C-alpha atoms as a PDB file:
ATOM      1  CA  MET A   1      14.251 -19.670  13.017  1.00  0.00           C
ATOM      2  CA  PRO A   2      10.669 -19.728  14.361  1.00  0.00           C
ATOM      3  CA  LYS A   3       8.204 -22.103  12.739  1.00  0.00           C
ATOM      4  CA  VAL A   4       4.597 -21.361  11.852  1.00  0.00           C
ATOM      5  CA  THR A   5       3.574 -23.484  14.836  1.00  0.00           C
ATOM      6  CA  HIS A   6       5.295 -20.901  17.070  1.00  0.00           C
ATOM      7  CA  LEU A   7       2.843 -18.222  15.930  1.00  0.00           C
ATOM      8  CA  LYS A   8      -0.142 -17.380  18.081  1.00  0.00           C
ATOM      9  CA  ASN A   9      -3.663 -17.926  16.803  1.00  0.00           C
ATOM     10  CA  GLY A  10      -5.213 -14.811  15.325  1.00  0.00           C
ATOM     11  CA  ILE A  11      -5.562 -12.848  12.097  1.00  0.00           C
ATOM     12  CA  TYR A  12      -2.334 -12.145  10.205  1.00  0.00           C
ATOM     13  CA  CYS A  13      -2.278  -9.754   7.266  1.00  0.00           C
ATOM     14  CA  PHE A  14       0.601  -9.502   4.793  1.00  0.00           C
ATOM     15  CA  ASN A  15       0.669  -6.418   2.595  1.00  0.00           C
ATOM     16  CA  TYR A  16       2.155  -6.067  -0.882  1.00  0.00           C
ATOM     17  CA  HIS A  17       2.558  -3.158  -3.272  1.00  0.00           C
ATOM     18  CA  ARG A  18       4.142  -4.325  -6.511  1.00  0.00           C
ATOM     19  CA  VAL A  19       5.014  -7.782  -7.885  1.00  0.00           C
ATOM     20  CA  GLY A  20       7.735  -8.048 -10.524  1.00  0.00           C
ATOM     21  CA  ASP A  21      11.352  -7.214 -11.287  1.00  0.00           C
ATOM     22  CA  LYS A  22      12.254  -3.968  -9.524  1.00  0.00           C
ATOM     23  CA  ALA A  23      15.022  -3.272 -12.064  1.00  0.00           C
ATOM     24  CA  SER A  24      12.335  -2.818 -14.715  1.00  0.00           C
ATOM     25  CA  THR A  25      11.090   0.556 -13.457  1.00  0.00           C
ATOM     26  CA  LYS A  26      12.400   4.109 -13.711  1.00  0.00           C
ATOM     27  CA  LEU A  27      10.221   4.966 -10.720  1.00  0.00           C
ATOM     28  CA  ASP A  28      10.304   3.893  -7.064  1.00  0.00           C
ATOM     29  CA  GLU A  29      11.799   0.405  -6.980  1.00  0.00           C
ATOM     30  CA  ASN A  30      11.322   0.292  -3.187  1.00  0.00           C
ATOM     31  CA  LEU A  31       7.642  -0.418  -3.833  1.00  0.00           C
ATOM     32  CA  PHE A  32       8.371  -3.843  -5.308  1.00  0.00           C
ATOM     33  CA  SER A  33       7.441  -6.403  -2.658  1.00  0.00           C
ATOM     34  CA  CYS A  34       8.615  -9.492  -4.530  1.00  0.00           C
ATOM     35  CA  THR A  35       9.153 -11.123  -7.905  1.00  0.00           C
ATOM     36  CA  SER A  36       6.442 -13.244  -9.500  1.00  0.00           C
ATOM     37  CA  HIS A  37       8.411 -16.383  -8.623  1.00  0.00           C
ATOM     38  CA  ASP A  38       8.704 -15.391  -4.959  1.00  0.00           C
ATOM     39  CA  PHE A  39       5.005 -14.534  -4.806  1.00  0.00           C
ATOM     40  CA  ASP A  40       4.170 -17.945  -6.234  1.00  0.00           C
ATOM     41  CA  MET A  41       6.333 -19.647  -3.589  1.00  0.00           C
ATOM     42  CA  GLN A  42       4.848 -17.529  -0.800  1.00  0.00           C
ATOM     43  CA  LEU A  43       1.286 -18.399  -1.803  1.00  0.00           C
ATOM     44  CA  LYS A  44       2.127 -22.091  -1.887  1.00  0.00           C
ATOM     45  CA  TYR A  45       3.624 -21.841   1.610  1.00  0.00           C
ATOM     46  CA  PHE A  46       0.700 -19.820   2.982  1.00  0.00           C
ATOM     47  CA  LYS A  47      -1.790 -22.414   1.733  1.00  0.00           C
ATOM     48  CA  GLU A  48       0.068 -25.142   3.577  1.00  0.00           C
ATOM     49  CA  HIS A  49       0.418 -23.356   6.914  1.00  0.00           C
ATOM     50  CA  PHE A  50      -2.415 -20.815   7.304  1.00  0.00           C
ATOM     51  CA  GLU A  51      -6.149 -20.692   6.762  1.00  0.00           C
ATOM     52  CA  LEU A  52      -6.498 -17.969   4.164  1.00  0.00           C
ATOM     53  CA  ILE A  53      -9.692 -15.915   4.446  1.00  0.00           C
ATOM     54  CA  ASP A  54     -11.437 -13.182   2.517  1.00  0.00           C
ATOM     55  CA  MET A  55     -13.071 -10.049   3.840  1.00  0.00           C
ATOM     56  CA  GLU A  56     -16.507 -11.640   4.150  1.00  0.00           C
ATOM     57  CA  GLN A  57     -15.065 -14.292   6.444  1.00  0.00           C
ATOM     58  CA  LEU A  58     -13.133 -11.689   8.437  1.00  0.00           C
ATOM     59  CA  GLU A  59     -16.237 -10.191  10.013  1.00  0.00           C
ATOM     60  CA  ALA A  60     -17.514 -13.568  11.210  1.00  0.00           C
ATOM     61  CA  ILE A  61     -14.095 -14.578  12.527  1.00  0.00           C
ATOM     62  CA  LYS A  62     -13.559 -11.331  14.449  1.00  0.00           C
ATOM     63  CA  SER A  63     -16.865 -11.875  16.249  1.00  0.00           C
ATOM     64  CA  LEU A  64     -15.619 -15.132  17.799  1.00  0.00           C
ATOM     65  CA  ASN A  65     -14.794 -15.119  21.498  1.00  0.00           C
ATOM     66  CA  VAL A  66     -11.688 -17.214  20.906  1.00  0.00           C
ATOM     67  CA  LEU A  67      -9.640 -17.403  17.713  1.00  0.00           C
ATOM     68  CA  ASP A  68      -8.478 -21.013  17.421  1.00  0.00           C
ATOM     69  CA  LYS A  69      -6.525 -20.850  14.153  1.00  0.00           C
ATOM     70  CA  ARG A  70      -3.885 -18.832  12.344  1.00  0.00           C
ATOM     71  CA  TYR A  71      -5.904 -16.932   9.753  1.00  0.00           C
ATOM     72  CA  LEU A  72      -4.306 -14.969   6.926  1.00  0.00           C
ATOM     73  CA  LEU A  73      -5.413 -12.026   4.792  1.00  0.00           C
ATOM     74  CA  LEU A  74      -3.511 -10.767   1.730  1.00  0.00           C
ATOM     75  CA  THR A  75      -3.713  -7.127   0.652  1.00  0.00           C
ATOM     76  CA  PHE A  76      -2.193  -4.873  -2.024  1.00  0.00           C
ATOM     77  CA  ASP A  77      -1.889  -1.081  -1.927  1.00  0.00           C
ATOM     78  CA  ASP A  78      -2.011   1.577  -4.667  1.00  0.00           C
ATOM     79  CA  GLY A  79      -3.236  -0.184  -7.823  1.00  0.00           C
ATOM     80  CA  TYR A  80      -0.183  -0.843 -10.000  1.00  0.00           C
ATOM     81  CA  SER A  81      -0.709  -2.751 -13.242  1.00  0.00           C
ATOM     82  CA  ASP A  82       1.612  -5.579 -12.189  1.00  0.00           C
ATOM     83  CA  ASN A  83      -1.056  -6.441  -9.606  1.00  0.00           C
ATOM     84  CA  TYR A  84      -3.231  -7.444 -12.558  1.00  0.00           C
ATOM     85  CA  TYR A  85      -0.562  -8.969 -14.813  1.00  0.00           C
ATOM     86  CA  ASN A  86       1.567 -10.738 -12.200  1.00  0.00           C
ATOM     87  CA  ALA A  87      -0.241 -11.125  -8.856  1.00  0.00           C
ATOM     88  CA  TYR A  88      -3.817 -11.781  -9.997  1.00  0.00           C
ATOM     89  CA  PRO A  89      -3.004 -14.825 -12.222  1.00  0.00           C
ATOM     90  CA  LEU A  90      -1.038 -16.425  -9.388  1.00  0.00           C
ATOM     91  CA  LEU A  91      -3.848 -15.845  -6.910  1.00  0.00           C
ATOM     92  CA  LYS A  92      -6.212 -17.545  -9.379  1.00  0.00           C
ATOM     93  CA  LYS A  93      -3.740 -20.390  -9.889  1.00  0.00           C
ATOM     94  CA  HIS A  94      -3.760 -21.112  -6.150  1.00  0.00           C
ATOM     95  CA  GLY A  95      -7.498 -20.536  -5.741  1.00  0.00           C
ATOM     96  CA  LEU A  96      -6.937 -17.589  -3.400  1.00  0.00           C
ATOM     97  CA  THR A  97      -8.281 -14.073  -3.064  1.00  0.00           C
ATOM     98  CA  ALA A  98      -6.764 -10.758  -1.990  1.00  0.00           C
ATOM     99  CA  THR A  99      -7.941  -7.218  -1.358  1.00  0.00           C
ATOM    100  CA  PHE A 100      -6.633  -4.449  -3.620  1.00  0.00           C
ATOM    101  CA  PHE A 101      -6.724  -0.909  -2.216  1.00  0.00           C
ATOM    102  CA  ILE A 102      -6.964   1.531  -5.117  1.00  0.00           C
ATOM    103  CA  THR A 103      -5.730   5.138  -5.387  1.00  0.00           C
ATOM    104  CA  THR A 104      -8.311   6.389  -7.847  1.00  0.00           C
ATOM    105  CA  ASP A 105      -6.539   9.461  -9.299  1.00  0.00           C
ATOM    106  CA  TYR A 106      -3.939   7.268 -11.006  1.00  0.00           C
ATOM    107  CA  ILE A 107      -6.182   4.631 -12.544  1.00  0.00           C
ATOM    108  CA  ASP A 108      -6.622   4.684 -16.342  1.00  0.00           C
ATOM    109  CA  ARG A 109      -4.186   7.602 -16.660  1.00  0.00           C
ATOM    110  CA  LYS A 110      -1.551   8.061 -19.364  1.00  0.00           C
ATOM    111  CA  ASN A 111       0.766  10.868 -20.452  1.00  0.00           C
ATOM    112  CA  ASN A 112       3.238  10.871 -17.591  1.00  0.00           C
ATOM    113  CA  ILE A 113       0.634  11.052 -14.819  1.00  0.00           C
ATOM    114  CA  VAL A 114       2.407   9.385 -11.927  1.00  0.00           C
ATOM    115  CA  PRO A 115       1.958   9.668  -8.148  1.00  0.00           C
ATOM    116  CA  TRP A 116       4.069  12.026  -6.090  1.00  0.00           C
ATOM    117  CA  TRP A 117       6.246   9.265  -4.584  1.00  0.00           C
ATOM    118  CA  ASP A 118       7.163   7.922  -8.026  1.00  0.00           C
ATOM    119  CA  GLU A 119       7.979  11.424  -9.247  1.00  0.00           C
ATOM    120  CA  VAL A 120      10.219  11.880  -6.217  1.00  0.00           C
ATOM    121  CA  ALA A 121      12.034   8.638  -7.043  1.00  0.00           C
ATOM    122  CA  TYR A 122      12.405   9.609 -10.706  1.00  0.00           C
ATOM    123  CA  LEU A 123      13.876  13.021  -9.818  1.00  0.00           C
ATOM    124  CA  VAL A 124      16.316  11.638  -7.245  1.00  0.00           C
ATOM    125  CA  LYS A 125      17.490   8.839  -9.536  1.00  0.00           C
ATOM    126  CA  ALA A 126      17.999  11.304 -12.415  1.00  0.00           C
ATOM    127  CA  THR A 127      19.940  14.008 -10.551  1.00  0.00           C
ATOM    128  CA  HIS A 128      23.598  14.654 -11.326  1.00  0.00           C
ATOM    129  CA  ASN A 129      24.172  16.174  -7.877  1.00  0.00           C
ATOM    130  CA  GLN A 130      26.240  14.387  -5.235  1.00  0.00           C
ATOM    131  CA  PHE A 131      24.003  15.831  -2.520  1.00  0.00           C
ATOM    132  CA  ILE A 132      20.405  17.025  -2.379  1.00  0.00           C
ATOM    133  CA  ASN A 133      19.936  20.098  -0.225  1.00  0.00           C
ATOM    134  CA  LEU A 134      16.244  20.102   0.640  1.00  0.00           C
ATOM    135  CA  THR A 135      14.581  23.491   1.109  1.00  0.00           C
ATOM    136  CA  PHE A 136      11.845  22.084   3.359  1.00  0.00           C
ATOM    137  CA  GLY A 137      11.676  19.793   6.368  1.00  0.00           C
ATOM    138  CA  ASN A 138      14.223  18.979   9.073  1.00  0.00           C
ATOM    139  CA  VAL A 139      16.646  16.924   6.941  1.00  0.00           C
ATOM    140  CA  ARG A 140      18.544  19.414   4.830  1.00  0.00           C
ATOM    141  CA  ARG A 141      21.330  17.455   3.136  1.00  0.00           C
ATOM    142  CA  ILE A 142      21.008  13.964   1.631  1.00  0.00           C
ATOM    143  CA  ALA A 143      23.875  12.095  -0.021  1.00  0.00           C
ATOM    144  CA  VAL A 144      23.143  10.541  -3.422  1.00  0.00           C
ATOM    145  CA  ASP A 145      25.940   7.963  -3.506  1.00  0.00           C
ATOM    146  CA  ASN A 146      23.276   5.254  -3.102  1.00  0.00           C
ATOM    147  CA  ARG A 147      20.250   6.265  -5.188  1.00  0.00           C
ATOM    148  CA  ASN A 148      17.885   3.840  -3.524  1.00  0.00           C
ATOM    149  CA  ASP A 149      18.774   5.060  -0.030  1.00  0.00           C
ATOM    150  CA  ALA A 150      18.487   8.658  -1.208  1.00  0.00           C
ATOM    151  CA  VAL A 151      14.982   8.012  -2.528  1.00  0.00           C
ATOM    152  CA  ARG A 152      13.981   6.570   0.855  1.00  0.00           C
ATOM    153  CA  ALA A 153      15.452   9.547   2.700  1.00  0.00           C
ATOM    154  CA  VAL A 154      13.714  12.131   0.528  1.00  0.00           C
ATOM    155  CA  LEU A 155      10.395  10.296   0.818  1.00  0.00           C
ATOM    156  CA  ARG A 156      10.743  10.270   4.619  1.00  0.00           C
ATOM    157  CA  ALA A 157      11.205  14.038   4.489  1.00  0.00           C
ATOM    158  CA  PHE A 158       8.067  14.342   2.338  1.00  0.00           C
ATOM    159  CA  LYS A 159       6.040  12.255   4.788  1.00  0.00           C
ATOM    160  CA  ASP A 160       7.329  14.032   7.893  1.00  0.00           C
ATOM    161  CA  ASN A 161       6.575  17.547   6.656  1.00  0.00           C
ATOM    162  CA  ASN A 162       2.968  18.697   6.960  1.00  0.00           C
ATOM    163  CA  ASP A 163       3.493  22.406   6.252  1.00  0.00           C
ATOM    164  CA  LEU A 164       3.284  22.075   2.466  1.00  0.00           C
ATOM    165  CA  THR A 165       1.200  20.128  -0.017  1.00  0.00           C
ATOM    166  CA  MET A 166       2.789  17.214  -1.833  1.00  0.00           C
ATOM    167  CA  ALA A 167       2.629  19.196  -5.088  1.00  0.00           C
ATOM    168  CA  ALA A 168       4.484  22.090  -3.481  1.00  0.00           C
ATOM    169  CA  LYS A 169       7.166  19.759  -2.114  1.00  0.00           C
ATOM    170  CA  VAL A 170       7.624  18.133  -5.536  1.00  0.00           C
ATOM    171  CA  SER A 171       8.029  21.577  -7.075  1.00  0.00           C
ATOM    172  CA  LEU A 172      10.717  22.487  -4.527  1.00  0.00           C
ATOM    173  CA  LEU A 173      12.465  19.152  -5.028  1.00  0.00           C
ATOM    174  CA  LYS A 174      12.808  19.844  -8.759  1.00  0.00           C
ATOM    175  CA  SER A 175      14.871  22.912  -7.882  1.00  0.00           C
ATOM    176  CA  ASP A 176      16.736  21.084  -5.111  1.00  0.00           C
ATOM    177  CA  VAL A 177      17.931  18.336  -7.476  1.00  0.00           C
ATOM    178  CA  GLY A 178      18.683  20.796 -10.266  1.00  0.00           C
ATOM    179  CA  SER A 179      16.231  19.187 -12.665  1.00  0.00           C
ATOM    180  CA  GLY A 180      13.939  20.863 -15.118  1.00  0.00           C
ATOM    181  CA  GLU A 181      13.258  17.697 -17.082  1.00  0.00           C
ATOM    182  CA  CYS A 182       9.840  16.160 -17.573  1.00  0.00           C
ATOM    183  CA  LEU A 183       8.943  12.611 -16.699  1.00  0.00           C
ATOM    184  CA  GLU A 184       9.498  10.250 -19.600  1.00  0.00           C
ATOM    185  CA  VAL A 185       7.416   7.307 -18.442  1.00  0.00           C
ATOM    186  CA  GLU A 186       4.002   5.832 -19.053  1.00  0.00           C
ATOM    187  CA  SER A 187       1.565   5.250 -16.219  1.00  0.00           C
ATOM    188  CA  GLU A 188       2.248   1.970 -14.430  1.00  0.00           C
ATOM    189  CA  PHE A 189      -1.234   1.708 -12.907  1.00  0.00           C
ATOM    190  CA  MET A 190      -4.192  -0.531 -13.730  1.00  0.00           C
ATOM    191  CA  THR A 191      -7.193   0.384 -15.838  1.00  0.00           C
ATOM    192  CA  TRP A 192     -10.752   0.331 -14.524  1.00  0.00           C
ATOM    193  CA  GLU A 193     -11.505  -2.555 -16.874  1.00  0.00           C
ATOM    194  CA  GLN A 194      -8.742  -4.604 -15.236  1.00  0.00           C
ATOM    195  CA  ILE A 195      -9.954  -3.725 -11.745  1.00  0.00           C
ATOM    196  CA  LYS A 196     -13.524  -4.663 -12.613  1.00  0.00           C
ATOM    197  CA  THR A 197     -12.334  -7.978 -14.074  1.00  0.00           C
ATOM    198  CA  MET A 198     -10.555  -8.801 -10.836  1.00  0.00           C
ATOM    199  CA  SER A 199     -13.614  -7.806  -8.809  1.00  0.00           C
ATOM    200  CA  GLU A 200     -15.834 -10.059 -10.906  1.00  0.00           C
ATOM    201  CA  ASN A 201     -13.445 -12.971 -10.358  1.00  0.00           C
ATOM    202  CA  GLY A 202     -13.190 -13.092  -6.588  1.00  0.00           C
ATOM    203  CA  MET A 203     -10.842 -10.233  -5.734  1.00  0.00           C
ATOM    204  CA  VAL A 204     -11.993  -7.537  -3.288  1.00  0.00           C
ATOM    205  CA  ILE A 205     -11.554  -3.835  -4.085  1.00  0.00           C
ATOM    206  CA  GLY A 206     -11.092  -1.197  -1.393  1.00  0.00           C
ATOM    207  CA  SER A 207     -10.219   2.492  -1.258  1.00  0.00           C
ATOM    208  CA  HIS A 208      -6.764   3.994  -0.748  1.00  0.00           C
ATOM    209  CA  THR A 209      -8.073   7.582  -1.216  1.00  0.00           C
ATOM    210  CA  CYS A 210      -8.019   9.598  -4.435  1.00  0.00           C
ATOM    211  CA  SER A 211      -4.517  11.062  -4.356  1.00  0.00           C
ATOM    212  CA  HIS A 212      -2.650   9.194  -1.595  1.00  0.00           C
ATOM    213  CA  GLN A 213      -2.261  12.272   0.578  1.00  0.00           C
ATOM    214  CA  ILE A 214      -1.414  11.758   4.241  1.00  0.00           C
ATOM    215  CA  LEU A 215      -4.831  12.270   5.780  1.00  0.00           C
ATOM    216  CA  SER A 216      -3.658  13.693   9.103  1.00  0.00           C
ATOM    217  CA  HIS A 217      -1.956  16.527   7.156  1.00  0.00           C
ATOM    218  CA  LEU A 218      -5.217  17.617   5.499  1.00  0.00           C
ATOM    219  CA  PRO A 219      -8.118  19.832   6.644  1.00  0.00           C
ATOM    220  CA  PHE A 220     -11.424  18.161   7.473  1.00  0.00           C
ATOM    221  CA  HIS A 221     -13.136  18.904   4.139  1.00  0.00           C
ATOM    222  CA  ALA A 222     -10.196  17.491   2.163  1.00  0.00           C
ATOM    223  CA  ILE A 223     -10.117  14.296   4.256  1.00  0.00           C
ATOM    224  CA  ARG A 224     -13.817  13.796   3.667  1.00  0.00           C
ATOM    225  CA  SER A 225     -13.397  14.329  -0.067  1.00  0.00           C
ATOM    226  CA  GLU A 226     -10.491  11.844  -0.312  1.00  0.00           C
ATOM    227  CA  VAL A 227     -12.458   9.219   1.626  1.00  0.00           C
ATOM    228  CA  GLU A 228     -15.898   9.634   0.082  1.00  0.00           C
ATOM    229  CA  LEU A 229     -15.047  10.512  -3.521  1.00  0.00           C
ATOM    230  CA  SER A 230     -12.688   7.559  -3.924  1.00  0.00           C
ATOM    231  CA  GLN A 231     -15.393   5.291  -2.497  1.00  0.00           C
ATOM    232  CA  ASP A 232     -18.014   6.683  -4.898  1.00  0.00           C
ATOM    233  CA  ILE A 233     -15.733   6.351  -7.935  1.00  0.00           C
ATOM    234  CA  ILE A 234     -14.813   2.728  -7.209  1.00  0.00           C
ATOM    235  CA  GLU A 235     -18.434   1.785  -6.557  1.00  0.00           C
ATOM    236  CA  GLN A 236     -19.508   3.304  -9.875  1.00  0.00           C
ATOM    237  CA  LYS A 237     -16.730   1.512 -11.747  1.00  0.00           C
ATOM    238  CA  ILE A 238     -17.152  -1.986 -10.285  1.00  0.00           C
ATOM    239  CA  GLY A 239     -20.855  -1.914  -9.377  1.00  0.00           C
ATOM    240  CA  LYS A 240     -20.273  -3.073  -5.787  1.00  0.00           C
ATOM    241  CA  ARG A 241     -20.234  -1.519  -2.331  1.00  0.00           C
ATOM    242  CA  VAL A 242     -16.818  -0.420  -1.078  1.00  0.00           C
ATOM    243  CA  GLU A 243     -16.484  -0.965   2.664  1.00  0.00           C
ATOM    244  CA  LEU A 244     -12.721  -1.398   3.097  1.00  0.00           C
ATOM    245  CA  PHE A 245     -10.058   1.286   3.387  1.00  0.00           C
ATOM    246  CA  ALA A 246      -6.270   1.463   3.759  1.00  0.00           C
ATOM    247  CA  TYR A 247      -4.592   4.581   5.161  1.00  0.00           C
ATOM    248  CA  PRO A 248      -1.964   6.113   2.839  1.00  0.00           C
ATOM    249  CA  VAL A 249       1.500   5.707   4.430  1.00  0.00           C
ATOM    250  CA  GLY A 250      -0.356   3.960   7.246  1.00  0.00           C
ATOM    251  CA  ASN A 251       1.738   4.667  10.344  1.00  0.00           C
ATOM    252  CA  ASN A 252       0.006   5.827  13.503  1.00  0.00           C
ATOM    253  CA  ASN A 253       0.756   9.473  12.650  1.00  0.00           C
ATOM    254  CA  SER A 254      -0.995   9.306   9.271  1.00  0.00           C
ATOM    255  CA  TYR A 255      -4.553   9.275  10.664  1.00  0.00           C
ATOM    256  CA  ASP A 256      -6.409  10.181  13.857  1.00  0.00           C
ATOM    257  CA  GLU A 257      -9.793   9.761  15.494  1.00  0.00           C
ATOM    258  CA  SER A 258     -11.401  12.379  13.242  1.00  0.00           C
ATOM    259  CA  VAL A 259     -10.346  10.360  10.167  1.00  0.00           C
ATOM    260  CA  ILE A 260     -11.789   7.193  11.699  1.00  0.00           C
ATOM    261  CA  ASN A 261     -15.077   8.979  12.381  1.00  0.00           C
ATOM    262  CA  ILE A 262     -15.310  10.085   8.749  1.00  0.00           C
ATOM    263  CA  LEU A 263     -14.696   6.509   7.617  1.00  0.00           C
ATOM    264  CA  LYS A 264     -17.452   5.246   9.905  1.00  0.00           C
ATOM    265  CA  THR A 265     -20.007   7.797   8.736  1.00  0.00           C
ATOM    266  CA  SER A 266     -19.073   7.048   5.097  1.00  0.00           C
ATOM    267  CA  GLY A 267     -20.045   3.391   5.464  1.00  0.00           C
ATOM    268  CA  TYR A 268     -16.651   1.736   5.719  1.00  0.00           C
ATOM    269  CA  LYS A 269     -16.447  -1.351   7.953  1.00  0.00           C
ATOM    270  CA  TYR A 270     -12.682  -1.885   8.176  1.00  0.00           C
ATOM    271  CA  ALA A 271      -9.555   0.228   7.767  1.00  0.00           C
ATOM    272  CA  PHE A 272      -5.987  -1.063   7.558  1.00  0.00           C
ATOM    273  CA  THR A 273      -2.824   0.559   8.872  1.00  0.00           C
ATOM    274  CA  PHE A 274       0.788  -0.205   7.983  1.00  0.00           C
ATOM    275  CA  GLU A 275       1.702  -1.030  11.564  1.00  0.00           C
ATOM    276  CA  LYS A 276       3.058  -4.509  12.304  1.00  0.00           C
ATOM    277  CA  GLY A 277       1.042  -6.717  14.623  1.00  0.00           C
ATOM    278  CA  LEU A 278      -1.337  -9.610  15.117  1.00  0.00           C
ATOM    279  CA  ASN A 279      -5.072  -8.915  14.879  1.00  0.00           C
ATOM    280  CA  ASN A 280      -7.583 -10.602  17.164  1.00  0.00           C
ATOM    281  CA  ASN A 281     -11.227 -10.196  18.093  1.00  0.00           C
ATOM    282  CA  SER A 282     -10.431  -7.143  20.243  1.00  0.00           C
ATOM    283  CA  THR A 283      -8.501  -5.284  17.522  1.00  0.00           C
ATOM    284  CA  ASN A 284     -10.168  -2.030  16.472  1.00  0.00           C
ATOM    285  CA  ALA A 285     -11.801  -2.668  13.076  1.00  0.00           C
ATOM    286  CA  PHE A 286     -10.438   0.713  11.905  1.00  0.00           C
ATOM    287  CA  GLU A 287      -6.871  -0.023  12.993  1.00  0.00           C
ATOM    288  CA  MET A 288      -6.168  -3.433  11.504  1.00  0.00           C
ATOM    289  CA  ASN A 289      -2.441  -4.249  11.491  1.00  0.00           C
ATOM    290  CA  ARG A 290      -0.464  -5.462   8.475  1.00  0.00           C
ATOM    291  CA  TYR A 291       3.009  -6.909   8.006  1.00  0.00           C
ATOM    292  CA  PRO A 292       4.975  -5.446   5.065  1.00  0.00           C
ATOM    293  CA  VAL A 293       6.385  -7.800   2.440  1.00  0.00           C
ATOM    294  CA  ASN A 294       9.759  -6.572   1.212  1.00  0.00           C
ATOM    295  CA  TYR A 295      11.755  -7.544  -1.861  1.00  0.00           C
ATOM    296  CA  GLY A 296      13.813 -10.662  -1.253  1.00  0.00           C
ATOM    297  CA  ASN A 297      11.701 -11.921   1.643  1.00  0.00           C
ATOM    298  CA  THR A 298      11.112 -15.660   1.729  1.00  0.00           C
ATOM    299  CA  ALA A 299       7.994 -17.130   3.320  1.00  0.00           C
ATOM    300  CA  SER A 300      10.173 -18.079   6.297  1.00  0.00           C
ATOM    301  CA  ASP A 301      11.304 -14.441   6.597  1.00  0.00           C
ATOM    302  CA  LEU A 302       7.657 -13.378   6.788  1.00  0.00           C
ATOM    303  CA  VAL A 303       6.948 -15.946   9.500  1.00  0.00           C
ATOM    304  CA  LYS A 304       9.924 -14.579  11.466  1.00  0.00           C
ATOM    305  CA  LEU A 305       8.601 -11.020  11.052  1.00  0.00           C
ATOM    306  CA  ALA A 306       5.190 -12.103  12.301  1.00  0.00           C
ATOM    307  CA  TYR A 307       6.751 -14.013  15.216  1.00  0.00           C
ATOM    308  CA  ILE A 308       8.776 -10.997  16.363  1.00  0.00           C
ATOM    309  CA  ASN A 309       5.727  -8.712  16.087  1.00  0.00           C
ATOM    310  CA  GLN A 310       2.935 -10.900  17.458  1.00  0.00           C
END
């Protein structure tokens, strides 16, 4: 097992989505990165072995000719309420900060307003079918013997297909799973008051678009709207400039040079992918790498992941 001392100097970034017990949700349990206990243990370990930095320090560090330490950034995507109730208190306990990338359409919403990926998970988990025969995409038949695996497979099909809107694909999926039922869940996202509280107490808020569409699947005007409107909304709500962005889905097919140009002209300074890798002073500021944190990972597991993908 590699040790932290085996890691190269540079800027590491670990990315989280949700913190809590994944069995507690009717939605997409794959989004849970860790329990509160595991997050607490990870933060303690990070403090001992890395120099944790915030976004203000990042710019100064990236300008150095030689990076002589192992720096660490922590980020969260989407804006789930457990970020406020579970992650934020532990960050405060350890005297640390993190950046929270917010999907603005889902903040402060009630009455069964959930994002497309959570609706997909709900529909797949609720189906009585043994197989789902998708009417779009390349994968036509998905077994439902393992619900969690089936959710992952259907979501991959959603992300791979760029012929239809997410809303259209959700509508087709309802027929494909033989479900006419409505969602029976409350929103699991933060409120603007909670986000502002975090911002006022050392956390950094960035944009994750308005609706979490895959930007490379959208026309130019829609990309610009997702990028700029989400930025404007967050700035109005927290009273601070928003200069950080995370690409929805985040693989290298989810954005292109035209998206980066829109981000630059909109005043963003950094954008984060979901590609594994070490960042250094030559890394493109609009293609910052992040390592995913998955449920059950120990701090040592994360060090191994970073070692393999340096």
